Every structure is written in C-alpha cells, then in structure tokens.
C-alpha cells in the first residue's frame, strides 16, 4: 500500500490502485486513456487534452482527504498545481 492512504477508506481506492478509463476526445473522438488518479490526458491522435468527467470525489467533501490521499495527489486532483 502507498504511504499516506487510509486502508479503511473506500473512497481512496481509485487513488491507491489507479486503473485506466477511456473517454472520447472532444476534438476527434479518439478514445483517450485517463487513469483514475488523473484529471486529464492528451489524445494520442490529435493531442487535445481530454478531461475526465468531474464526479463528486471524496476529496471534495472529506475533511481528511488531503491526509488520506497525500498532498501531491490532493493538489493535482483539486487543480492546485
């Protein structure tokens, strides 16, 4: 397990063990791989940044989120970097 993650917190699972998800590029429609611990990724065909649909993540409401997922991951997912 990665340091900083709370093993009991079910909301931190996608950050503890990231998995790829695929979303259509808004420019060309190509499928773009965006990992569960990322907000966006460039399209392999045209280079357009493809955003993950913003969901209600635990980092949006949990008071221990920064501590649980770690400051770096928290800042990246909140758009602070």
PDB file of N, CA and C in Angstrom:
ATOM      1  N   UNK A   1       0.836  -1.179   0.000  1.00  0.00           N
ATOM      2  CA  UNK A   1       0.000   0.000   0.000  1.00  0.00           C
ATOM      3  C   UNK A   1       0.881   1.241   0.000  1.00  0.00           C
ATOM      4  N   UNK A   2       0.440   2.281  -0.691  1.00  0.00           N
ATOM      5  CA  UNK A   2       1.177   3.522  -0.755  1.00  0.00           C
ATOM      6  C   UNK A   2       1.108   4.258   0.571  1.00  0.00           C
ATOM      7  N   UNK A   3       2.193   4.939   0.970  1.00  0.00           N
ATOM      8  CA  UNK A   3       2.162   5.685   2.218  1.00  0.00           C
ATOM      9  C   UNK A   3       1.135   6.818   2.146  1.00  0.00           C
ATOM     10  N   UNK A   4       0.466   7.079   3.255  1.00  0.00           N
ATOM     11  CA  UNK A   4      -0.485   8.179   3.322  1.00  0.00           C
ATOM     12  C   UNK A   4      -1.920   7.779   3.059  1.00  0.00           C
ATOM     13  N   UNK A   5      -2.157   6.632   2.461  1.00  0.00           N
ATOM     14  CA  UNK A   5      -3.514   6.213   2.152  1.00  0.00           C
ATOM     15  C   UNK A   5      -4.129   5.466   3.325  1.00  0.00           C
ATOM     16  N   UNK A   6      -5.366   5.757   3.603  1.00  0.00           N
ATOM     17  CA  UNK A   6      -6.103   5.073   4.652  1.00  0.00           C
ATOM     18  C   UNK A   6      -6.686   3.801   4.061  1.00  0.00           C
ATOM     19  N   UNK A   7      -6.223   2.652   4.541  1.00  0.00           N
ATOM     20  CA  UNK A   7      -6.665   1.367   4.001  1.00  0.00           C
ATOM     21  C   UNK A   7      -8.151   1.120   4.234  1.00  0.00           C
ATOM     22  N   UNK A   8      -8.742   1.779   5.219  1.00  0.00           N
ATOM     23  CA  UNK A   8     -10.143   1.579   5.534  1.00  0.00           C
ATOM     24  C   UNK A   8     -11.071   2.456   4.694  1.00  0.00           C
ATOM     25  N   UNK A   9     -10.562   3.449   4.053  1.00  0.00           N
ATOM     26  CA  UNK A   9     -11.391   4.402   3.314  1.00  0.00           C
ATOM     27  C   UNK A   9     -11.698   3.866   1.913  1.00  0.00           C
ATOM     28  N   UNK A  10     -12.964   3.543   1.622  1.00  0.00           N
ATOM     29  CA  UNK A  10     -13.291   3.022   0.294  1.00  0.00           C
ATOM     30  C   UNK A  10     -13.158   4.064  -0.810  1.00  0.00           C
ATOM     31  N   UNK A  11     -13.250   5.337  -0.467  1.00  0.00           N
ATOM     32  CA  UNK A  11     -13.143   6.390  -1.477  1.00  0.00           C
ATOM     33  C   UNK A  11     -11.745   6.586  -2.015  1.00  0.00           C
ATOM     34  N   UNK A  12     -10.737   6.140  -1.279  1.00  0.00           N
ATOM     35  CA  UNK A  12      -9.364   6.337  -1.745  1.00  0.00           C
ATOM     36  C   UNK A  12      -8.886   5.208  -2.652  1.00  0.00           C
ATOM     37  N   UNK A  13      -9.709   4.192  -2.884  1.00  0.00           N
ATOM     38  CA  UNK A  13      -9.329   3.060  -3.726  1.00  0.00           C
ATOM     39  C   UNK A  13      -8.814   3.443  -5.107  1.00  0.00           C
ATOM     40  N   UNK A  14      -9.534   4.340  -5.837  1.00  0.00           N
ATOM     41  CA  UNK A  14      -9.043   4.708  -7.167  1.00  0.00           C
ATOM     42  C   UNK A  14      -7.704   5.435  -7.150  1.00  0.00           C
ATOM     43  N   UNK A  15      -7.331   6.005  -6.009  1.00  0.00           N
ATOM     44  CA  UNK A  15      -6.048   6.697  -5.902  1.00  0.00           C
ATOM     45  C   UNK A  15      -4.960   5.746  -5.420  1.00  0.00           C
ATOM     46  N   UNK A  16      -5.341   4.779  -4.578  1.00  0.00           N
ATOM     47  CA  UNK A  16      -4.385   3.790  -4.073  1.00  0.00           C
ATOM     48  C   UNK A  16      -3.957   2.844  -5.178  1.00  0.00           C
ATOM     49  N   UNK A  17      -4.916   2.399  -5.980  1.00  0.00           N
ATOM     50  CA  UNK A  17      -4.649   1.456  -7.058  1.00  0.00           C
ATOM     51  C   UNK A  17      -5.281   1.994  -8.339  1.00  0.00           C
ATOM     52  N   UNK A  18      -4.621   2.969  -8.967  1.00  0.00           N
ATOM     53  CA  UNK A  18      -5.189   3.591 -10.167  1.00  0.00           C
ATOM     54  C   UNK A  18      -5.422   2.581 -11.285  1.00  0.00           C
ATOM     55  N   UNK A  19      -6.488   2.815 -12.036  1.00  0.00           N
ATOM     56  CA  UNK A  19      -6.822   1.986 -13.193  1.00  0.00           C
ATOM     57  C   UNK A  19      -7.132   2.900 -14.370  1.00  0.00           C
ATOM     58  N   UNK A  20      -6.889   2.430 -15.590  1.00  0.00           N
ATOM     59  CA  UNK A  20      -7.212   3.256 -16.752  1.00  0.00           C
ATOM     60  C   UNK A  20      -8.713   3.245 -17.044  1.00  0.00           C
ATOM     61  N   UNK A  21      -9.201   4.374 -17.491  1.00  0.00           N
ATOM     62  CA  UNK A  21     -10.559   4.503 -18.005  1.00  0.00           C
ATOM     63  C   UNK A  21     -10.431   5.201 -19.354  1.00  0.00           C
ATOM     64  N   UNK A  22     -11.408   5.029 -20.213  1.00  0.00           N
ATOM     65  CA  UNK A  22     -11.325   5.602 -21.555  1.00  0.00           C
ATOM     66  C   UNK A  22     -12.477   6.555 -21.793  1.00  0.00           C
ATOM     67  N   UNK A  23     -12.147   7.719 -22.385  1.00  0.00           N
ATOM     68  CA  UNK A  23     -13.118   8.756 -22.676  1.00  0.00           C
ATOM     69  C   UNK A  23     -12.880   9.260 -24.099  1.00  0.00           C
ATOM     70  N   UNK A  24     -13.923   9.667 -24.793  1.00  0.00           N
ATOM     71  CA  UNK A  24     -13.736  10.170 -26.152  1.00  0.00           C
ATOM     72  C   UNK A  24     -13.093  11.560 -26.154  1.00  0.00           C
ATOM     73  N   UNK A  25     -12.171  11.750 -27.062  1.00  0.00           N
ATOM     74  CA  UNK A  25     -11.551  13.060 -27.248  1.00  0.00           C
ATOM     75  C   UNK A  25     -12.635  14.041 -27.721  1.00  0.00           C
ATOM     76  N   UNK A  26     -12.710  15.231 -27.117  1.00  0.00           N
ATOM     77  CA  UNK A  26     -13.736  16.180 -27.528  1.00  0.00           C
ATOM     78  C   UNK A  26     -13.499  16.767 -28.926  1.00  0.00           C
ATOM     79  N   UNK A  27     -12.283  16.600 -29.447  1.00  0.00           N
ATOM     80  CA  UNK A  27     -11.955  17.164 -30.762  1.00  0.00           C
ATOM     81  C   UNK A  27     -12.135  16.146 -31.895  1.00  0.00           C
ATOM     82  N   UNK A  28     -11.580  14.936 -31.707  1.00  0.00           N
ATOM     83  CA  UNK A  28     -11.587  13.975 -32.819  1.00  0.00           C
ATOM     84  C   UNK A  28     -12.351  12.680 -32.515  1.00  0.00           C
ATOM     85  N   UNK A  29     -12.738  12.461 -31.257  1.00  0.00           N
ATOM     86  CA  UNK A  29     -13.496  11.266 -30.916  1.00  0.00           C
ATOM     87  C   UNK A  29     -12.660  10.043 -30.575  1.00  0.00           C
ATOM     88  N   UNK A  30     -11.353  10.124 -30.743  1.00  0.00           N
ATOM     89  CA  UNK A  30     -10.458   9.012 -30.394  1.00  0.00           C
ATOM     90  C   UNK A  30     -10.610   8.683 -28.908  1.00  0.00           C
ATOM     91  N   UNK A  31     -10.489   7.410 -28.558  1.00  0.00           N
ATOM     92  CA  UNK A  31     -10.552   7.020 -27.157  1.00  0.00           C
ATOM     93  C   UNK A  31      -9.241   7.379 -26.462  1.00  0.00           C
ATOM     94  N   UNK A  32      -9.350   8.080 -25.331  1.00  0.00           N
ATOM     95  CA  UNK A  32      -8.181   8.552 -24.593  1.00  0.00           C
ATOM     96  C   UNK A  32      -8.150   7.871 -23.227  1.00  0.00           C
ATOM     97  N   UNK A  33      -7.001   7.321 -22.898  1.00  0.00           N
ATOM     98  CA  UNK A  33      -6.813   6.676 -21.604  1.00  0.00           C
ATOM     99  C   UNK A  33      -6.519   7.744 -20.547  1.00  0.00           C
ATOM    100  N   UNK A  34      -7.371   7.782 -19.515  1.00  0.00           N
ATOM    101  CA  UNK A  34      -7.163   8.676 -18.378  1.00  0.00           C
ATOM    102  C   UNK A  34      -7.240   7.807 -17.128  1.00  0.00           C
ATOM    103  N   UNK A  35      -6.179   7.793 -16.357  1.00  0.00           N
ATOM    104  CA  UNK A  35      -6.132   6.962 -15.165  1.00  0.00           C
ATOM    105  C   UNK A  35      -6.992   7.574 -14.063  1.00  0.00           C
ATOM    106  N   UNK A  36      -7.448   6.731 -13.126  1.00  0.00           N
ATOM    107  CA  UNK A  36      -8.354   7.186 -12.075  1.00  0.00           C
ATOM    108  C   UNK A  36      -7.712   8.187 -11.117  1.00  0.00           C
ATOM    109  N   UNK A  37      -6.392   8.323 -11.135  1.00  0.00           N
ATOM    110  CA  UNK A  37      -5.737   9.324 -10.291  1.00  0.00           C
ATOM    111  C   UNK A  37      -5.308  10.549 -11.100  1.00  0.00           C
ATOM    112  N   UNK A  38      -5.879  10.720 -12.296  1.00  0.00           N
ATOM    113  CA  UNK A  38      -5.588  11.866 -13.158  1.00  0.00           C
ATOM    114  C   UNK A  38      -6.881  12.602 -13.488  1.00  0.00           C
ATOM    115  N   UNK A  39      -6.733  13.859 -13.870  1.00  0.00           N
ATOM    116  CA  UNK A  39      -7.892  14.652 -14.300  1.00  0.00           C
ATOM    117  C   UNK A  39      -7.994  14.718 -15.817  1.00  0.00           C
ATOM    118  N   UNK A  40      -6.855  14.587 -16.501  1.00  0.00           N
ATOM    119  CA  UNK A  40      -6.850  14.724 -17.955  1.00  0.00           C
ATOM    120  C   UNK A  40      -5.653  14.006 -18.547  1.00  0.00           C
ATOM    121  N   UNK A  41      -5.713  13.833 -19.868  1.00  0.00           N
ATOM    122  CA  UNK A  41      -4.628  13.202 -20.597  1.00  0.00           C
ATOM    123  C   UNK A  41      -4.714  13.655 -22.053  1.00  0.00           C
ATOM    124  N   UNK A  42      -3.577  13.782 -22.735  1.00  0.00           N
ATOM    125  CA  UNK A  42      -3.626  14.198 -24.136  1.00  0.00           C
ATOM    126  C   UNK A  42      -4.105  13.076 -25.049  1.00  0.00           C
ATOM    127  N   UNK A  43      -4.846  13.437 -26.066  1.00  0.00           N
ATOM    128  CA  UNK A  43      -5.312  12.487 -27.057  1.00  0.00           C
ATOM    129  C   UNK A  43      -4.117  11.969 -27.855  1.00  0.00           C
ATOM    130  N   UNK A  44      -4.003  10.651 -28.039  1.00  0.00           N
ATOM    131  CA  UNK A  44      -2.870  10.113 -28.792  1.00  0.00           C
ATOM    132  C   UNK A  44      -2.936  10.443 -30.287  1.00  0.00           C
ATOM    133  N   UNK A  45      -4.116  10.818 -30.773  1.00  0.00           N
ATOM    134  CA  UNK A  45      -4.276  11.108 -32.195  1.00  0.00           C
ATOM    135  C   UNK A  45      -4.046  12.586 -32.508  1.00  0.00           C
ATOM    136  N   UNK A  46      -4.696  13.484 -31.750  1.00  0.00           N
ATOM    137  CA  UNK A  46      -4.618  14.905 -32.097  1.00  0.00           C
ATOM    138  C   UNK A  46      -3.962  15.784 -31.026  1.00  0.00           C
ATOM    139  N   UNK A  47      -3.713  15.214 -29.833  1.00  0.00           N
ATOM    140  CA  UNK A  47      -3.042  15.962 -28.780  1.00  0.00           C
ATOM    141  C   UNK A  47      -3.947  16.820 -27.898  1.00  0.00           C
ATOM    142  N   UNK A  48      -5.236  16.866 -28.191  1.00  0.00           N
ATOM    143  CA  UNK A  48      -6.158  17.660 -27.387  1.00  0.00           C
ATOM    144  C   UNK A  48      -6.264  17.069 -25.986  1.00  0.00           C
ATOM    145  N   UNK A  49      -6.178  17.923 -24.970  1.00  0.00           N
ATOM    146  CA  UNK A  49      -6.333  17.450 -23.594  1.00  0.00           C
ATOM    147  C   UNK A  49      -7.772  16.977 -23.400  1.00  0.00           C
ATOM    148  N   UNK A  50      -7.915  15.757 -22.930  1.00  0.00           N
ATOM    149  CA  UNK A  50      -9.226  15.170 -22.694  1.00  0.00           C
ATOM    150  C   UNK A  50      -9.430  15.071 -21.191  1.00  0.00           C
ATOM    151  N   UNK A  51     -10.505  15.668 -20.720  1.00  0.00           N
ATOM    152  CA  UNK A  51     -10.785  15.726 -19.296  1.00  0.00           C
ATOM    153  C   UNK A  51     -11.651  14.560 -18.845  1.00  0.00           C
ATOM    154  N   UNK A  52     -11.367  14.079 -17.663  1.00  0.00           N
ATOM    155  CA  UNK A  52     -12.229  13.086 -17.020  1.00  0.00           C
ATOM    156  C   UNK A  52     -13.474  13.830 -16.557  1.00  0.00           C
ATOM    157  N   UNK A  53     -14.656  13.263 -16.735  1.00  0.00           N
ATOM    158  CA  UNK A  53     -15.859  13.911 -16.208  1.00  0.00           C
ATOM    159  C   UNK A  53     -15.711  14.080 -14.695  1.00  0.00           C
ATOM    160  N   UNK A  54     -15.956  15.271 -14.225  1.00  0.00           N
ATOM    161  CA  UNK A  54     -15.775  15.575 -12.793  1.00  0.00           C
ATOM    162  C   UNK A  54     -16.921  14.970 -12.002  1.00  0.00           C
ATOM    163  N   UNK A  55     -16.575  14.076 -11.108  1.00  0.00           N
ATOM    164  CA  UNK A  55     -17.558  13.417 -10.258  1.00  0.00           C
ATOM    165  C   UNK A  55     -17.423  13.970  -8.846  1.00  0.00           C
ATOM    166  N   UNK A  56     -18.337  13.619  -8.000  1.00  0.00           N
ATOM    167  CA  UNK A  56     -18.254  14.000  -6.603  1.00  0.00           C
ATOM    168  C   UNK A  56     -17.246  13.073  -5.926  1.00  0.00           C
ATOM    169  N   UNK A  57     -15.998  13.485  -5.893  1.00  0.00           N
ATOM    170  CA  UNK A  57     -14.936  12.688  -5.299  1.00  0.00           C
ATOM    171  C   UNK A  57     -14.866  12.927  -3.801  1.00  0.00           C
ATOM    172  N   UNK A  58     -14.341  11.968  -3.086  1.00  0.00           N
ATOM    173  CA  UNK A  58     -14.191  12.112  -1.636  1.00  0.00           C
ATOM    174  C   UNK A  58     -13.342  13.324  -1.288  1.00  0.00           C
ATOM    175  N   UNK A  59     -12.418  13.703  -2.169  1.00  0.00           N
ATOM    176  CA  UNK A  59     -11.575  14.863  -1.878  1.00  0.00           C
ATOM    177  C   UNK A  59     -12.384  16.154  -1.849  1.00  0.00           C
ATOM    178  N   UNK A  60     -13.588  16.133  -2.396  1.00  0.00           N
ATOM    179  CA  UNK A  60     -14.434  17.326  -2.398  1.00  0.00           C
ATOM    180  C   UNK A  60     -15.166  17.538  -1.080  1.00  0.00           C
ATOM    181  N   UNK A  61     -15.318  16.498  -0.294  1.00  0.00           N
ATOM    182  CA  UNK A  61     -16.108  16.647   0.918  1.00  0.00           C
ATOM    183  C   UNK A  61     -15.481  16.079   2.190  1.00  0.00           C
ATOM    184  N   UNK A  62     -14.519  15.190   2.080  1.00  0.00           N
ATOM    185  CA  UNK A  62     -13.947  14.550   3.269  1.00  0.00           C
ATOM    186  C   UNK A  62     -12.912  15.460   3.933  1.00  0.00           C
ATOM    187  N   UNK A  63     -13.065  15.725   5.240  1.00  0.00           N
ATOM    188  CA  UNK A  63     -12.108  16.596   5.927  1.00  0.00           C
ATOM    189  C   UNK A  63     -10.709  15.991   6.049  1.00  0.00           C
ATOM    190  N   UNK A  64     -10.568  14.696   5.859  1.00  0.00           N
ATOM    191  CA  UNK A  64      -9.253  14.050   5.953  1.00  0.00           C
ATOM    192  C   UNK A  64      -8.665  13.720   4.588  1.00  0.00           C
ATOM    193  N   UNK A  65      -9.249  14.236   3.540  1.00  0.00           N
ATOM    194  CA  UNK A  65      -8.842  13.866   2.181  1.00  0.00           C
ATOM    195  C   UNK A  65      -7.373  14.147   1.897  1.00  0.00           C
ATOM    196  N   UNK A  66      -6.906  15.337   2.222  1.00  0.00           N
ATOM    197  CA  UNK A  66      -5.501  15.677   1.938  1.00  0.00           C
ATOM    198  C   UNK A  66      -4.566  14.703   2.648  1.00  0.00           C
ATOM    199  N   UNK A  67      -4.861  14.390   3.882  1.00  0.00           N
ATOM    200  CA  UNK A  67      -4.053  13.456   4.662  1.00  0.00           C
ATOM    201  C   UNK A  67      -4.153  12.038   4.095  1.00  0.00           C
ATOM    202  N   UNK A  68      -5.336  11.644   3.675  1.00  0.00           N
ATOM    203  CA  UNK A  68      -5.580  10.285   3.197  1.00  0.00           C
ATOM    204  C   UNK A  68      -4.898  10.000   1.858  1.00  0.00           C
ATOM    205  N   UNK A  69      -5.084  10.873   0.885  1.00  0.00           N
ATOM    206  CA  UNK A  69      -4.531  10.611  -0.447  1.00  0.00           C
ATOM    207  C   UNK A  69      -3.149  11.212  -0.649  1.00  0.00           C
ATOM    208  N   UNK A  70      -2.736  12.093   0.263  1.00  0.00           N
ATOM    209  CA  UNK A  70      -1.436  12.738   0.154  1.00  0.00           C
ATOM    210  C   UNK A  70      -1.556  14.103  -0.488  1.00  0.00           C
ATOM    211  N   UNK A  71      -0.710  15.019  -0.062  1.00  0.00           N
ATOM    212  CA  UNK A  71      -0.783  16.408  -0.520  1.00  0.00           C
ATOM    213  C   UNK A  71      -0.610  16.565  -2.023  1.00  0.00           C
ATOM    214  N   UNK A  72       0.314  15.793  -2.607  1.00  0.00           N
ATOM    215  CA  UNK A  72       0.585  15.925  -4.047  1.00  0.00           C
ATOM    216  C   UNK A  72      -0.625  15.489  -4.883  1.00  0.00           C
ATOM    217  N   UNK A  73      -1.178  14.322  -4.572  1.00  0.00           N
ATOM    218  CA  UNK A  73      -2.342  13.821  -5.306  1.00  0.00           C
ATOM    219  C   UNK A  73      -3.534  14.748  -5.076  1.00  0.00           C
ATOM    220  N   UNK A  74      -3.725  15.169  -3.833  1.00  0.00           N
ATOM    221  CA  UNK A  74      -4.831  16.068  -3.495  1.00  0.00           C
ATOM    222  C   UNK A  74      -4.748  17.364  -4.317  1.00  0.00           C
ATOM    223  N   UNK A  75      -3.573  17.985  -4.331  1.00  0.00           N
ATOM    224  CA  UNK A  75      -3.393  19.241  -5.077  1.00  0.00           C
ATOM    225  C   UNK A  75      -3.636  19.038  -6.566  1.00  0.00           C
ATOM    226  N   UNK A  76      -3.140  17.938  -7.123  1.00  0.00           N
ATOM    227  CA  UNK A  76      -3.323  17.682  -8.554  1.00  0.00           C
ATOM    228  C   UNK A  76      -4.796  17.511  -8.898  1.00  0.00           C
ATOM    229  N   UNK A  77      -5.502  16.741  -8.079  1.00  0.00           N
ATOM    230  CA  UNK A  77      -6.931  16.490  -8.364  1.00  0.00           C
ATOM    231  C   UNK A  77      -7.807  17.691  -8.095  1.00  0.00           C
ATOM    232  N   UNK A  78      -7.384  18.581  -7.221  1.00  0.00           N
ATOM    233  CA  UNK A  78      -8.151  19.794  -6.941  1.00  0.00           C
ATOM    234  C   UNK A  78      -7.756  20.924  -7.906  1.00  0.00           C
ATOM    235  N   UNK A  79      -6.783  20.665  -8.778  1.00  0.00           N
ATOM    236  CA  UNK A  79      -6.364  21.686  -9.746  1.00  0.00           C
ATOM    237  C   UNK A  79      -5.502  22.770  -9.134  1.00  0.00           C
ATOM    238  N   UNK A  80      -4.794  22.451  -8.060  1.00  0.00           N
ATOM    239  CA  UNK A  80      -3.972  23.435  -7.375  1.00  0.00           C
ATOM    240  C   UNK A  80      -2.556  23.494  -7.913  1.00  0.00           C
ATOM    241  N   UNK A  81      -2.227  22.656  -8.894  1.00  0.00           N
ATOM    242  CA  UNK A  81      -0.854  22.665  -9.435  1.00  0.00           C
ATOM    243  C   UNK A  81      -0.852  23.241 -10.815  1.00  0.00           C
TER     244      UNK A  81
END
